[in-house]
C-alpha atoms as a PDB file:
ATOM      1  CA  MET A   1      54.458  -1.127 -40.143  1.00  0.00           C
ATOM      2  CA  GLY A   2      55.506   1.778 -42.064  1.00  0.00           C
ATOM      3  CA  ASN A   3      58.457   3.847 -41.565  1.00  0.00           C
ATOM      4  CA  PRO A   4      58.099   6.117 -38.394  1.00  0.00           C
ATOM      5  CA  PHE A   5      60.605   8.241 -39.308  1.00  0.00           C
ATOM      6  CA  ILE A   6      58.471   9.128 -42.192  1.00  0.00           C
ATOM      7  CA  LYS A   7      54.679   8.328 -40.975  1.00  0.00           C
ATOM      8  CA  ASN A   8      55.162  10.068 -37.286  1.00  0.00           C
ATOM      9  CA  ILE A   9      55.554  13.574 -36.952  1.00  0.00           C
ATOM     10  CA  LYS A  10      56.317  13.506 -33.648  1.00  0.00           C
ATOM     11  CA  ILE A  11      59.675  10.777 -34.149  1.00  0.00           C
ATOM     12  CA  PHE A  12      60.540  12.721 -37.174  1.00  0.00           C
ATOM     13  CA  ALA A  13      60.630  16.224 -35.339  1.00  0.00           C
ATOM     14  CA  VAL A  14      62.594  14.432 -32.088  1.00  0.00           C
ATOM     15  CA  TYR A  15      65.109  12.236 -34.956  1.00  0.00           C
ATOM     16  CA  LEU A  16      65.445  15.546 -36.845  1.00  0.00           C
ATOM     17  CA  LEU A  17      66.377  17.468 -33.338  1.00  0.00           C
ATOM     18  CA  ILE A  18      69.053  14.635 -32.449  1.00  0.00           C
ATOM     19  CA  TRP A  19      70.881  15.230 -35.425  1.00  0.00           C
ATOM     20  CA  VAL A  20      70.583  18.931 -35.195  1.00  0.00           C
ATOM     21  CA  PHE A  21      72.393  18.488 -31.721  1.00  0.00           C
ATOM     22  CA  ILE A  22      75.304  16.181 -33.380  1.00  0.00           C
ATOM     23  CA  THR A  23      75.696  18.616 -35.899  1.00  0.00           C
ATOM     24  CA  ILE A  24      76.526  21.381 -33.330  1.00  0.00           C
ATOM     25  CA  ILE A  25      78.531  19.161 -31.324  1.00  0.00           C
ATOM     26  CA  HIS A  26      80.668  18.071 -34.823  1.00  0.00           C
ATOM     27  CA  ASN A  27      80.982  21.885 -35.788  1.00  0.00           C
ATOM     28  CA  VAL A  28      82.354  22.653 -32.070  1.00  0.00           C
ATOM     29  CA  VAL A  29      84.944  19.479 -31.933  1.00  0.00           C
ATOM     30  CA  ILE A  30      86.529  20.388 -35.509  1.00  0.00           C
ATOM     31  CA  VAL A  31      87.140  23.635 -35.034  1.00  0.00           C
ATOM     32  CA  PHE A  32      88.604  23.810 -31.416  1.00  0.00           C
ATOM     33  CA  LEU A  33      90.245  20.741 -31.485  1.00  0.00           C
ATOM     34  CA  LEU A  34      91.256  20.199 -34.889  1.00  0.00           C
ATOM     35  CA  ASP A  35      91.776  23.777 -35.929  1.00  0.00           C
ATOM     36  CA  VAL A  36      89.669  23.431 -38.951  1.00  0.00           C
ATOM     37  CA  LYS A  37      88.422  26.797 -40.368  1.00  0.00           C
ATOM     38  CA  ILE A  38      84.996  27.544 -38.991  1.00  0.00           C
ATOM     39  CA  GLU A  39      83.205  27.919 -42.586  1.00  0.00           C
ATOM     40  CA  GLN A  40      85.070  24.713 -43.791  1.00  0.00           C
ATOM     41  CA  ALA A  41      83.854  22.987 -39.931  1.00  0.00           C
ATOM     42  CA  PHE A  42      79.881  24.284 -40.706  1.00  0.00           C
ATOM     43  CA  THR A  43      79.790  22.682 -44.239  1.00  0.00           C
ATOM     44  CA  GLU A  44      81.627  19.760 -43.418  1.00  0.00           C
ATOM     45  CA  SER A  45      79.440  18.953 -39.992  1.00  0.00           C
ATOM     46  CA  ILE A  46      76.493  19.853 -42.662  1.00  0.00           C
ATOM     47  CA  VAL A  47      77.208  17.705 -44.980  1.00  0.00           C
ATOM     48  CA  TYR A  48      78.196  14.595 -43.151  1.00  0.00           C
ATOM     49  CA  ASN A  49      75.212  14.981 -40.559  1.00  0.00           C
ATOM     50  CA  THR A  50      72.671  15.471 -43.709  1.00  0.00           C
ATOM     51  CA  LEU A  51      73.744  11.815 -45.292  1.00  0.00           C
ATOM     52  CA  TYR A  52      73.772  10.281 -42.340  1.00  0.00           C
ATOM     53  CA  PHE A  53      70.272  12.041 -41.075  1.00  0.00           C
ATOM     54  CA  LEU A  54      69.021  10.387 -44.652  1.00  0.00           C
ATOM     55  CA  LEU A  55      71.337   7.059 -44.377  1.00  0.00           C
ATOM     56  CA  GLY A  56      69.302   6.452 -40.922  1.00  0.00           C
ATOM     57  CA  ILE A  57      65.877   6.971 -42.293  1.00  0.00           C
ATOM     58  CA  SER A  58      66.311   4.363 -44.747  1.00  0.00           C
ATOM     59  CA  LEU A  59      67.949   1.702 -41.945  1.00  0.00           C
ATOM     60  CA  TRP A  60      64.576   1.252 -40.960  1.00  0.00           C
ATOM     61  CA  TYR A  61      63.802  -1.056 -43.880  1.00  0.00           C
ATOM     62  CA  THR A  62      67.325  -3.003 -43.289  1.00  0.00           C
ATOM     63  CA  VAL A  63      66.037  -3.474 -39.659  1.00  0.00           C
ATOM     64  CA  SER A  64      62.470  -4.401 -40.641  1.00  0.00           C
ATOM     65  CA  TYR A  65      63.174  -6.958 -42.485  1.00  0.00           C
ATOM     66  CA  ASN A  66      66.002  -8.249 -40.228  1.00  0.00           C
ATOM     67  CA  THR A  67      63.407 -10.015 -37.965  1.00  0.00           C
ATOM     68  CA  LEU A  68      63.719 -13.192 -35.820  1.00  0.00           C
ATOM     69  CA  GLU A  69      60.633 -14.034 -38.163  1.00  0.00           C
ATOM     70  CA  ASN A  70      62.727 -14.190 -41.034  1.00  0.00           C
ATOM     71  CA  TYR A  71      65.983 -15.419 -39.852  1.00  0.00           C
ATOM     72  CA  THR A  72      68.190 -16.757 -36.934  1.00  0.00           C
ATOM     73  CA  ALA A  73      69.960 -14.461 -34.350  1.00  0.00           C
ATOM     74  CA  VAL A  74      73.683 -15.470 -35.796  1.00  0.00           C
ATOM     75  CA  LYS A  75      72.016 -14.683 -39.471  1.00  0.00           C
ATOM     76  CA  ILE A  76      70.805 -11.415 -38.520  1.00  0.00           C
ATOM     77  CA  PHE A  77      74.108 -10.425 -36.526  1.00  0.00           C
ATOM     78  CA  MET A  78      76.473 -11.149 -39.606  1.00  0.00           C
ATOM     79  CA  ASN A  79      73.651  -9.201 -42.013  1.00  0.00           C
ATOM     80  CA  HIS A  80      74.112  -5.985 -39.867  1.00  0.00           C
ATOM     81  CA  SER A  81      77.821  -6.174 -39.746  1.00  0.00           C
ATOM     82  CA  ALA A  82      78.004  -6.571 -43.354  1.00  0.00           C
ATOM     83  CA  ALA A  83      75.236  -3.269 -43.623  1.00  0.00           C
ATOM     84  CA  ALA A  84      77.200  -1.019 -41.053  1.00  0.00           C
ATOM     85  CA  VAL A  85      80.872  -1.555 -42.940  1.00  0.00           C
ATOM     86  CA  ILE A  86      78.944  -0.912 -46.199  1.00  0.00           C
ATOM     87  CA  THR A  87      77.091   1.780 -44.744  1.00  0.00           C
ATOM     88  CA  SER A  88      79.874   3.549 -43.199  1.00  0.00           C
ATOM     89  CA  ALA A  89      82.556   3.401 -46.093  1.00  0.00           C
ATOM     90  CA  VAL A  90      79.377   4.878 -48.338  1.00  0.00           C
ATOM     91  CA  TRP A  91      78.555   7.437 -45.629  1.00  0.00           C
ATOM     92  CA  VAL A  92      82.721   8.479 -45.683  1.00  0.00           C
ATOM     93  CA  LEU A  93      83.249   8.415 -49.046  1.00  0.00           C
ATOM     94  CA  ALA A  94      80.275  10.449 -50.150  1.00  0.00           C
ATOM     95  CA  GLY A  95      81.222  12.929 -47.703  1.00  0.00           C
ATOM     96  CA  TYR A  96      84.790  13.140 -49.036  1.00  0.00           C
ATOM     97  CA  TYR A  97      84.100  13.791 -52.535  1.00  0.00           C
ATOM     98  CA  ILE A  98      81.323  16.393 -51.991  1.00  0.00           C
ATOM     99  CA  LEU A  99      83.772  18.163 -49.701  1.00  0.00           C
ATOM    100  CA  ILE A 100      86.746  17.710 -52.197  1.00  0.00           C
ATOM    101  CA  SER A 101      84.812  19.583 -54.963  1.00  0.00           C
ATOM    102  CA  ILE A 102      83.763  22.188 -52.848  1.00  0.00           C
ATOM    103  CA  TYR A 103      87.429  22.934 -51.523  1.00  0.00           C
ATOM    104  CA  ASP A 104      89.542  21.440 -54.295  1.00  0.00           C
ATOM    105  CA  GLU A 105      91.897  24.211 -54.065  1.00  0.00           C
ATOM    106  CA  ASP A 106      92.597  23.801 -50.061  1.00  0.00           C
ATOM    107  CA  ALA A 107      95.366  20.968 -49.648  1.00  0.00           C
ATOM    108  CA  TYR A 108      95.294  21.198 -46.133  1.00  0.00           C
ATOM    109  CA  TYR A 109      91.657  20.565 -46.012  1.00  0.00           C
ATOM    110  CA  LYS A 110      92.008  17.929 -48.515  1.00  0.00           C
ATOM    111  CA  THR A 111      94.701  16.453 -46.513  1.00  0.00           C
ATOM    112  CA  TYR A 112      92.716  16.481 -42.943  1.00  0.00           C
ATOM    113  CA  LEU A 113      89.841  14.757 -44.758  1.00  0.00           C
ATOM    114  CA  PHE A 114      92.038  12.079 -46.230  1.00  0.00           C
ATOM    115  CA  ASN A 115      93.546  11.211 -42.760  1.00  0.00           C
ATOM    116  CA  SER A 116      90.474  11.551 -41.109  1.00  0.00           C
ATOM    117  CA  GLY A 117      88.624   8.892 -43.033  1.00  0.00           C
ATOM    118  CA  ILE A 118      89.676   6.224 -40.276  1.00  0.00           C
ATOM    119  CA  TRP A 119      88.166   7.844 -37.387  1.00  0.00           C
ATOM    120  CA  ARG A 120      85.227   9.171 -39.229  1.00  0.00           C
ATOM    121  CA  PHE A 121      84.550   5.162 -40.604  1.00  0.00           C
ATOM    122  CA  MET A 122      84.452   4.187 -37.001  1.00  0.00           C
ATOM    123  CA  ILE A 123      82.048   6.807 -36.003  1.00  0.00           C
ATOM    124  CA  GLY A 124      80.064   5.454 -39.033  1.00  0.00           C
ATOM    125  CA  ILE A 125      79.913   2.043 -37.270  1.00  0.00           C
ATOM    126  CA  LEU A 126      78.793   3.644 -33.768  1.00  0.00           C
ATOM    127  CA  PHE A 127      76.015   5.951 -35.688  1.00  0.00           C
ATOM    128  CA  TYR A 128      74.624   2.035 -37.501  1.00  0.00           C
ATOM    129  CA  SER A 129      74.841   0.580 -34.379  1.00  0.00           C
ATOM    130  CA  ILE A 130      72.960   3.657 -32.218  1.00  0.00           C
ATOM    131  CA  THR A 131      70.346   3.942 -35.291  1.00  0.00           C
ATOM    132  CA  VAL A 132      69.720   0.206 -35.866  1.00  0.00           C
ATOM    133  CA  ALA A 133      69.475  -0.533 -31.784  1.00  0.00           C
ATOM    134  CA  VAL A 134      66.622   2.219 -31.814  1.00  0.00           C
ATOM    135  CA  ASP A 135      64.904   0.753 -34.854  1.00  0.00           C
ATOM    136  CA  TYR A 136      64.780  -2.648 -32.896  1.00  0.00           C
ATOM    137  CA  VAL A 137      63.495  -0.526 -29.876  1.00  0.00           C
ATOM    138  CA  ILE A 138      60.804   1.296 -32.165  1.00  0.00           C
ATOM    139  CA  ILE A 139      59.659  -2.310 -33.469  1.00  0.00           C
ATOM    140  CA  TYR A 140      59.369  -4.219 -30.184  1.00  0.00           C
ATOM    141  CA  TYR A 141      57.469  -1.480 -28.736  1.00  0.00           C
ATOM    142  CA  HIS A 142      55.009  -1.500 -31.476  1.00  0.00           C
ATOM    143  CA  ASN A 143      54.419  -5.412 -31.287  1.00  0.00           C
ATOM    144  CA  PHE A 144      54.016  -4.848 -27.655  1.00  0.00           C
ATOM    145  CA  GLN A 145      51.009  -2.181 -28.184  1.00  0.00           C
ATOM    146  CA  GLN A 146      49.122  -4.233 -31.105  1.00  0.00           C
ATOM    147  CA  LYS A 147      49.660  -7.513 -28.561  1.00  0.00           C
ATOM    148  CA  LEU A 148      48.009  -5.627 -25.935  1.00  0.00           C
ATOM    149  CA  PHE A 149      45.236  -4.448 -28.340  1.00  0.00           C
ATOM    150  CA  ARG A 150      44.542  -7.640 -29.466  1.00  0.00           C
ATOM    151  CA  GLU A 151      44.177  -9.232 -26.013  1.00  0.00           C
ATOM    152  CA  SER A 152      42.357  -5.930 -24.695  1.00  0.00           C
ATOM    153  CA  GLU A 153      39.825  -6.963 -27.491  1.00  0.00           C
ATOM    154  CA  LEU A 154      39.836 -10.742 -26.780  1.00  0.00           C
ATOM    155  CA  ASN A 155      39.707 -10.139 -23.314  1.00  0.00           C
ATOM    156  CA  ALA A 156      36.374  -7.511 -24.616  1.00  0.00           C
ATOM    157  CA  LEU A 157      34.689 -10.249 -26.824  1.00  0.00           C
ATOM    158  CA  VAL A 158      35.059 -13.211 -23.990  1.00  0.00           C
ATOM    159  CA  LYS A 159      33.640 -10.448 -21.457  1.00  0.00           C
ATOM    160  CA  GLU A 160      30.449  -9.567 -23.864  1.00  0.00           C
ATOM    161  CA  ALA A 161      29.762 -13.253 -24.910  1.00  0.00           C
ATOM    162  CA  GLU A 162      30.153 -13.967 -20.860  1.00  0.00           C
ATOM    163  CA  LEU A 163      27.733 -11.329 -20.089  1.00  0.00           C
ATOM    164  CA  LYS A 164      25.411 -12.303 -23.012  1.00  0.00           C
ATOM    165  CA  SER A 165      25.536 -15.853 -21.664  1.00  0.00           C
ATOM    166  CA  LEU A 166      24.595 -14.614 -18.155  1.00  0.00           C
ATOM    167  CA  LYS A 167      22.188 -12.495 -19.424  1.00  0.00           C
ATOM    168  CA  TYR A 168      20.513 -15.383 -21.516  1.00  0.00           C
ATOM    169  CA  GLN A 169      19.832 -17.695 -18.387  1.00  0.00           C
ATOM    170  CA  ILE A 170      17.476 -15.031 -16.591  1.00  0.00           C
ATOM    171  CA  ASN A 171      14.280 -15.713 -18.080  1.00  0.00           C
ATOM    172  CA  PRO A 172      13.714 -19.764 -19.476  1.00  0.00           C
ATOM    173  CA  HIS A 173      12.559 -20.807 -16.025  1.00  0.00           C
ATOM    174  CA  PHE A 174       9.984 -17.713 -15.345  1.00  0.00           C
ATOM    175  CA  ILE A 175       8.947 -18.618 -19.064  1.00  0.00           C
ATOM    176  CA  PHE A 176       8.069 -22.098 -18.404  1.00  0.00           C
ATOM    177  CA  ASN A 177       6.078 -21.437 -15.531  1.00  0.00           C
ATOM    178  CA  SER A 178       4.184 -18.613 -16.904  1.00  0.00           C
ATOM    179  CA  LEU A 179       3.256 -20.943 -20.038  1.00  0.00           C
ATOM    180  CA  ASN A 180       2.487 -23.498 -17.402  1.00  0.00           C
ATOM    181  CA  SER A 181       0.201 -20.892 -15.495  1.00  0.00           C
ATOM    182  CA  ILE A 182      -1.254 -20.042 -18.884  1.00  0.00           C
ATOM    183  CA  SER A 183      -1.757 -23.669 -19.290  1.00  0.00           C
ATOM    184  CA  SER A 184      -3.949 -24.075 -16.206  1.00  0.00           C
ATOM    185  CA  LEU A 185      -5.672 -21.005 -16.680  1.00  0.00           C
ATOM    186  CA  THR A 186      -7.313 -21.648 -20.128  1.00  0.00           C
ATOM    187  CA  LEU A 187      -9.290 -24.064 -18.415  1.00  0.00           C
ATOM    188  CA  SER A 188     -10.427 -22.565 -15.308  1.00  0.00           C
ATOM    189  CA  ASN A 189     -10.400 -18.893 -16.436  1.00  0.00           C
ATOM    190  CA  PRO A 190      -9.862 -18.032 -19.908  1.00  0.00           C
ATOM    191  CA  GLU A 191      -9.763 -14.156 -19.457  1.00  0.00           C
ATOM    192  CA  LYS A 192      -6.983 -14.375 -16.916  1.00  0.00           C
ATOM    193  CA  ALA A 193      -5.031 -16.653 -19.152  1.00  0.00           C
ATOM    194  CA  ARG A 194      -5.149 -14.027 -22.085  1.00  0.00           C
ATOM    195  CA  GLU A 195      -4.697 -11.587 -19.790  1.00  0.00           C
ATOM    196  CA  MET A 196      -1.175 -13.297 -18.641  1.00  0.00           C
ATOM    197  CA  THR A 197      -0.692 -14.423 -22.327  1.00  0.00           C
ATOM    198  CA  ILE A 198      -0.446 -10.162 -23.415  1.00  0.00           C
ATOM    199  CA  LYS A 199       1.290  -9.398 -20.693  1.00  0.00           C
ATOM    200  CA  LEU A 200       4.105 -12.004 -21.219  1.00  0.00           C
ATOM    201  CA  SER A 201       4.329 -10.579 -24.581  1.00  0.00           C
ATOM    202  CA  ALA A 202       4.786  -7.457 -23.796  1.00  0.00           C
ATOM    203  CA  PHE A 203       7.585  -8.603 -20.996  1.00  0.00           C
ATOM    204  CA  LEU A 204       9.218 -10.533 -23.702  1.00  0.00           C
ATOM    205  CA  ARG A 205       9.519  -8.035 -26.301  1.00  0.00           C
ATOM    206  CA  SER A 206      10.516  -5.197 -23.545  1.00  0.00           C
ATOM    207  CA  THR A 207      13.463  -7.934 -22.362  1.00  0.00           C
ATOM    208  CA  LEU A 208      14.501  -9.008 -26.106  1.00  0.00           C
ATOM    209  CA  SER A 209      14.817  -5.568 -26.969  1.00  0.00           C
ATOM    210  CA  LYS A 210      17.458  -4.850 -24.228  1.00  0.00           C
ATOM    211  CA  ASN A 211      19.357  -8.018 -24.993  1.00  0.00           C
ATOM    212  CA  GLU A 212      22.149  -6.334 -26.461  1.00  0.00           C
ATOM    213  CA  LYS A 213      22.550  -3.458 -24.260  1.00  0.00           C
ATOM    214  CA  GLN A 214      24.803  -3.796 -20.817  1.00  0.00           C
ATOM    215  CA  LYS A 215      23.044  -0.868 -18.991  1.00  0.00           C
ATOM    216  CA  SER A 216      20.080   1.054 -19.102  1.00  0.00           C
ATOM    217  CA  LYS A 217      18.417   3.751 -17.242  1.00  0.00           C
ATOM    218  CA  LEU A 218      16.767   2.986 -13.798  1.00  0.00           C
ATOM    219  CA  THR A 219      13.305   4.063 -14.706  1.00  0.00           C
ATOM    220  CA  ASP A 220      13.486   1.456 -17.809  1.00  0.00           C
ATOM    221  CA  GLU A 221      14.907  -1.107 -15.382  1.00  0.00           C
ATOM    222  CA  ILE A 222      11.338  -0.498 -12.783  1.00  0.00           C
ATOM    223  CA  SER A 223       9.097  -0.854 -15.931  1.00  0.00           C
ATOM    224  CA  ASN A 224      10.309  -4.054 -17.118  1.00  0.00           C
ATOM    225  CA  ALA A 225      10.475  -5.481 -13.688  1.00  0.00           C
ATOM    226  CA  SER A 226       6.986  -3.718 -12.916  1.00  0.00           C
ATOM    227  CA  LEU A 227       5.938  -5.853 -16.240  1.00  0.00           C
ATOM    228  CA  TYR A 228       6.914  -9.134 -14.528  1.00  0.00           C
ATOM    229  CA  LEU A 229       5.382  -8.539 -11.239  1.00  0.00           C
ATOM    230  CA  ASP A 230       1.786  -7.685 -13.415  1.00  0.00           C
ATOM    231  CA  ILE A 231       2.407 -11.290 -15.124  1.00  0.00           C
ATOM    232  CA  GLU A 232       2.611 -12.780 -11.589  1.00  0.00           C
ATOM    233  CA  LYS A 233      -0.177 -10.953 -10.159  1.00  0.00           C
ATOM    234  CA  VAL A 234      -2.615 -12.525 -12.810  1.00  0.00           C
ATOM    235  CA  ARG A 235      -1.706 -15.407 -10.740  1.00  0.00           C
ATOM    236  CA  PHE A 236      -1.519 -14.668  -7.354  1.00  0.00           C
ATOM    237  CA  SER A 237      -4.195 -11.509  -7.584  1.00  0.00           C
ATOM    238  CA  ASP A 238      -3.900  -9.770  -4.108  1.00  0.00           C
ATOM    239  CA  LYS A 239      -0.865 -11.698  -2.747  1.00  0.00           C
ATOM    240  CA  ILE A 240       1.759  -9.330  -4.167  1.00  0.00           C
ATOM    241  CA  GLU A 241       2.283  -5.362  -3.074  1.00  0.00           C
ATOM    242  CA  PHE A 242       4.719  -3.432  -5.124  1.00  0.00           C
ATOM    243  CA  VAL A 243       6.183  -0.602  -3.124  1.00  0.00           C
ATOM    244  CA  GLN A 244       9.034   1.825  -4.061  1.00  0.00           C
ATOM    245  CA  GLU A 245      11.117   4.334  -2.674  1.00  0.00           C
ATOM    246  CA  LEU A 246      13.406   6.059  -4.890  1.00  0.00           C
ATOM    247  CA  LYS A 247      15.340   9.574  -4.652  1.00  0.00           C
ATOM    248  CA  SER A 248      14.331  11.551  -7.886  1.00  0.00           C
ATOM    249  CA  ASP A 249      18.495  12.106  -8.802  1.00  0.00           C
ATOM    250  CA  CYS A 250      18.308   8.106  -9.105  1.00  0.00           C
ATOM    251  CA  MET A 251      16.297   7.757 -11.926  1.00  0.00           C
ATOM    252  CA  ASP A 252      18.232   8.553 -14.851  1.00  0.00           C
ATOM    253  CA  LEU A 253      21.392   6.886 -13.788  1.00  0.00           C
ATOM    254  CA  GLU A 254      22.221   3.904 -15.652  1.00  0.00           C
ATOM    255  CA  ILE A 255      22.655   0.299 -14.022  1.00  0.00           C
ATOM    256  CA  PRO A 256      23.579  -2.757 -15.341  1.00  0.00           C
ATOM    257  CA  SER A 257      19.935  -4.033 -17.601  1.00  0.00           C
ATOM    258  CA  MET A 258      17.756  -6.575 -16.164  1.00  0.00           C
ATOM    259  CA  ILE A 259      19.274  -6.902 -12.393  1.00  0.00           C
ATOM    260  CA  LEU A 260      16.193  -5.994 -10.862  1.00  0.00           C
ATOM    261  CA  GLN A 261      13.930  -8.741 -12.654  1.00  0.00           C
ATOM    262  CA  PRO A 262      15.717 -11.722 -10.661  1.00  0.00           C
ATOM    263  CA  LEU A 263      15.150 -10.117  -7.520  1.00  0.00           C
ATOM    264  CA  PHE A 264      11.590  -9.923  -8.236  1.00  0.00           C
ATOM    265  CA  GLU A 265      11.397 -13.238  -9.292  1.00  0.00           C
ATOM    266  CA  ASN A 266      13.383 -14.328  -6.349  1.00  0.00           C
ATOM    267  CA  ALA A 267      11.078 -12.375  -3.897  1.00  0.00           C
ATOM    268  CA  VAL A 268       7.911 -14.152  -5.385  1.00  0.00           C
ATOM    269  CA  LYS A 269       9.244 -17.851  -5.493  1.00  0.00           C
ATOM    270  CA  HIS A 270      10.647 -17.647  -1.716  1.00  0.00           C
ATOM    271  CA  GLY A 271       7.647 -15.501  -0.564  1.00  0.00           C
ATOM    272  CA  VAL A 272       4.566 -15.576  -2.391  1.00  0.00           C
ATOM    273  CA  TYR A 273       4.742 -19.104  -2.862  1.00  0.00           C
ATOM    274  CA  GLU A 274       5.715 -19.658   0.470  1.00  0.00           C
ATOM    275  CA  SER A 275       3.342 -17.728   2.340  1.00  0.00           C
ATOM    276  CA  LEU A 276      -0.773 -17.284   3.069  1.00  0.00           C
ATOM    277  CA  ASP A 277      -0.015 -13.497   3.773  1.00  0.00           C
ATOM    278  CA  LYS A 278       0.188 -10.724   1.489  1.00  0.00           C
ATOM    279  CA  VAL A 279       3.988 -10.122   0.354  1.00  0.00           C
ATOM    280  CA  VAL A 280       5.257  -6.691   0.373  1.00  0.00           C
ATOM    281  CA  ILE A 281       7.932  -6.564  -2.357  1.00  0.00           C
ATOM    282  CA  LYS A 282      10.263  -2.883  -1.591  1.00  0.00           C
ATOM    283  CA  LEU A 283      12.627  -1.540  -4.020  1.00  0.00           C
ATOM    284  CA  LYS A 284      14.784   1.865  -2.663  1.00  0.00           C
ATOM    285  CA  CYS A 285      17.354   3.413  -4.253  1.00  0.00           C
ATOM    286  CA  SER A 286      19.636   6.589  -2.741  1.00  0.00           C
ATOM    287  CA  PRO A 287      22.955   7.737  -3.975  1.00  0.00           C
ATOM    288  CA  ASP A 288      25.422   6.562  -1.234  1.00  0.00           C
ATOM    289  CA  LYS A 289      28.877   8.060  -1.806  1.00  0.00           C
ATOM    290  CA  GLU A 290      30.111   7.547  -5.090  1.00  0.00           C
ATOM    291  CA  TYR A 291      27.514   4.371  -5.733  1.00  0.00           C
ATOM    292  CA  LEU A 292      24.258   4.258  -6.383  1.00  0.00           C
ATOM    293  CA  LYS A 293      22.572   1.825  -3.331  1.00  0.00           C
ATOM    294  CA  ILE A 294      19.956  -0.431  -4.639  1.00  0.00           C
ATOM    295  CA  ILE A 295      17.824  -2.039  -2.109  1.00  0.00           C
ATOM    296  CA  VAL A 296      14.960  -5.083  -2.937  1.00  0.00           C
ATOM    297  CA  GLU A 297      13.490  -6.502   0.170  1.00  0.00           C
ATOM    298  CA  ASN A 298      10.318  -8.423   1.055  1.00  0.00           C
ATOM    299  CA  ASN A 299       8.741 -10.007   3.638  1.00  0.00           C
ATOM    300  CA  TYR A 300       8.361 -13.883   3.948  1.00  0.00           C
ATOM    301  CA  ASP A 301       7.245 -16.586   6.394  1.00  0.00           C
ATOM    302  CA  PRO A 302      10.366 -18.266   8.186  1.00  0.00           C
ATOM    303  CA  GLU A 303       8.333 -21.307   9.383  1.00  0.00           C
ATOM    304  CA  SER A 304       8.087 -22.231   5.852  1.00  0.00           C
ATOM    305  CA  VAL A 305       9.887 -25.152   4.024  1.00  0.00           C
ATOM    306  CA  PRO A 306      12.449 -23.299   2.019  1.00  0.00           C
ATOM    307  CA  ARG A 307      11.618 -24.282  -2.252  1.00  0.00           C
ATOM    308  CA  LYS A 308      14.521 -25.853  -3.596  1.00  0.00           C
ATOM    309  CA  GLY A 309      16.162 -24.168  -6.243  1.00  0.00           C
ATOM    310  CA  GLU A 310      19.884 -23.396  -6.944  1.00  0.00           C
ATOM    311  CA  GLY A 311      20.092 -19.333  -6.570  1.00  0.00           C
ATOM    312  CA  ILE A 312      20.918 -18.310 -10.168  1.00  0.00           C
ATOM    313  CA  GLY A 313      19.634 -15.195  -9.935  1.00  0.00           C
ATOM    314  CA  ILE A 314      21.396 -13.709  -7.254  1.00  0.00           C
ATOM    315  CA  LYS A 315      24.767 -15.595  -8.335  1.00  0.00           C
ATOM    316  CA  ASN A 316      24.079 -14.285 -11.859  1.00  0.00           C
ATOM    317  CA  ILE A 317      23.943 -10.685 -11.109  1.00  0.00           C
ATOM    318  CA  GLN A 318      26.783 -10.979  -8.868  1.00  0.00           C
ATOM    319  CA  GLN A 319      28.981 -12.482 -11.710  1.00  0.00           C
ATOM    320  CA  ARG A 320      27.865  -9.996 -14.149  1.00  0.00           C
ATOM    321  CA  MET A 321      28.438  -6.900 -11.498  1.00  0.00           C
ATOM    322  CA  LYS A 322      32.070  -8.180 -10.973  1.00  0.00           C
ATOM    323  CA  LEU A 323      32.702  -8.600 -15.005  1.00  0.00           C
ATOM    324  CA  ILE A 324      31.203  -5.023 -15.344  1.00  0.00           C
ATOM    325  CA  TYR A 325      32.953  -3.289 -12.687  1.00  0.00           C
ATOM    326  CA  ASN A 326      35.534  -5.501 -11.854  1.00  0.00           C
ATOM    327  CA  GLN A 327      34.396  -5.447  -7.976  1.00  0.00           C
ATOM    328  CA  ASP A 328      33.500  -8.233  -6.384  1.00  0.00           C
ATOM    329  CA  ASN A 329      31.817  -6.618  -2.924  1.00  0.00           C
ATOM    330  CA  LEU A 330      28.996  -4.986  -4.815  1.00  0.00           C
ATOM    331  CA  LEU A 331      26.222  -7.595  -3.895  1.00  0.00           C
ATOM    332  CA  THR A 332      25.251  -8.369  -0.340  1.00  0.00           C
ATOM    333  CA  VAL A 333      22.495 -10.390   1.482  1.00  0.00           C
ATOM    334  CA  GLU A 334      20.492  -9.845   4.430  1.00  0.00           C
ATOM    335  CA  LYS A 335      18.356 -12.774   5.932  1.00  0.00           C
ATOM    336  CA  LEU A 336      16.451 -11.311   9.506  1.00  0.00           C
ATOM    337  CA  ASN A 337      13.061 -11.158  10.949  1.00  0.00           C
ATOM    338  CA  GLY A 338      10.884 -12.487   8.293  1.00  0.00           C
ATOM    339  CA  LEU A 339      12.782  -9.984   5.936  1.00  0.00           C
ATOM    340  CA  PHE A 340      15.108 -11.284   3.292  1.00  0.00           C
ATOM    341  CA  ARG A 341      17.123  -8.296   1.337  1.00  0.00           C
ATOM    342  CA  VAL A 342      19.363  -7.708  -1.350  1.00  0.00           C
ATOM    343  CA  ILE A 343      21.764  -4.558  -1.480  1.00  0.00           C
ATOM    344  CA  ILE A 344      23.342  -3.634  -4.650  1.00  0.00           C
ATOM    345  CA  TYR A 345      26.057  -1.064  -4.818  1.00  0.00           C
ATOM    346  CA  VAL A 346      25.987   0.378  -8.504  1.00  0.00           C
ATOM    347  CA  PRO A 347      29.226   2.404  -9.212  1.00  0.00           C
ATOM    348  CA  ARG A 348      28.037   6.378 -10.179  1.00  0.00           C
END
């Protein structure tokens, strides 16, 4: 860390103003309490306070070297005690000889300067203690800010890694299912197998391009999810119908990338697989105060035996939403009257 009294213009300005104030007080005190001439008082206050102004800046290097990383607390105290004595002595003597050379013929003022040496020395010790204390506060504050910054960077990296890990969980089992279906179709219906392969390739290209993005426009997410449904329609033909009910002011808003496709996959797995009737998958979106309300719902056969599964898709979305928005109440699930509904609230 460089010397803040030199590198930081704001700190330098405050430091300068403090010494201007001390100079004024010094001038007033020795004029009215010690009966020193105004001209001599002004010169004295300028000389002594300018000297300590410069000494105070240089003390930063002593403080930055005397830290607990380099010395014990006792050693630091001893070093500063010695430095305080030497600094105060140099300050008093330097000011004394400068003023003596200016007012060489004024015996009264020379006597006054000599007799005031002791209390000037004690004031020098006080100035040293205050300056050093301020320097340590600045160092502590800087180190604290650096620590917070490093922790923030680390948390961001951990969060990013966790989000990527969650995103990479989305596709593998779907891809395996699709490849198995393609394998079966190559014998029974080669044309459909070819169509499904092309659509799967387009879907994977689209998802891979979004792997590094945490958010994307709703329109892009719908396009990606529609590609997924097109693949499933090759297998299930007319058993899937996709309906959109979207407000116009939703389309360009950004949402976490790849949160719709797992919901569509869930609808296919627990709706289409288990039902003999057509399954209608509805996507609704509308503004709701400070949120964007997204609903994905599908009908299902309540009499069917539920397929086994770990519910990775919905859990995945819950975790990602919590990581991105730091809220754990942004997703709700409703299951009633043969209708399965997932509601997502995206902060706008």
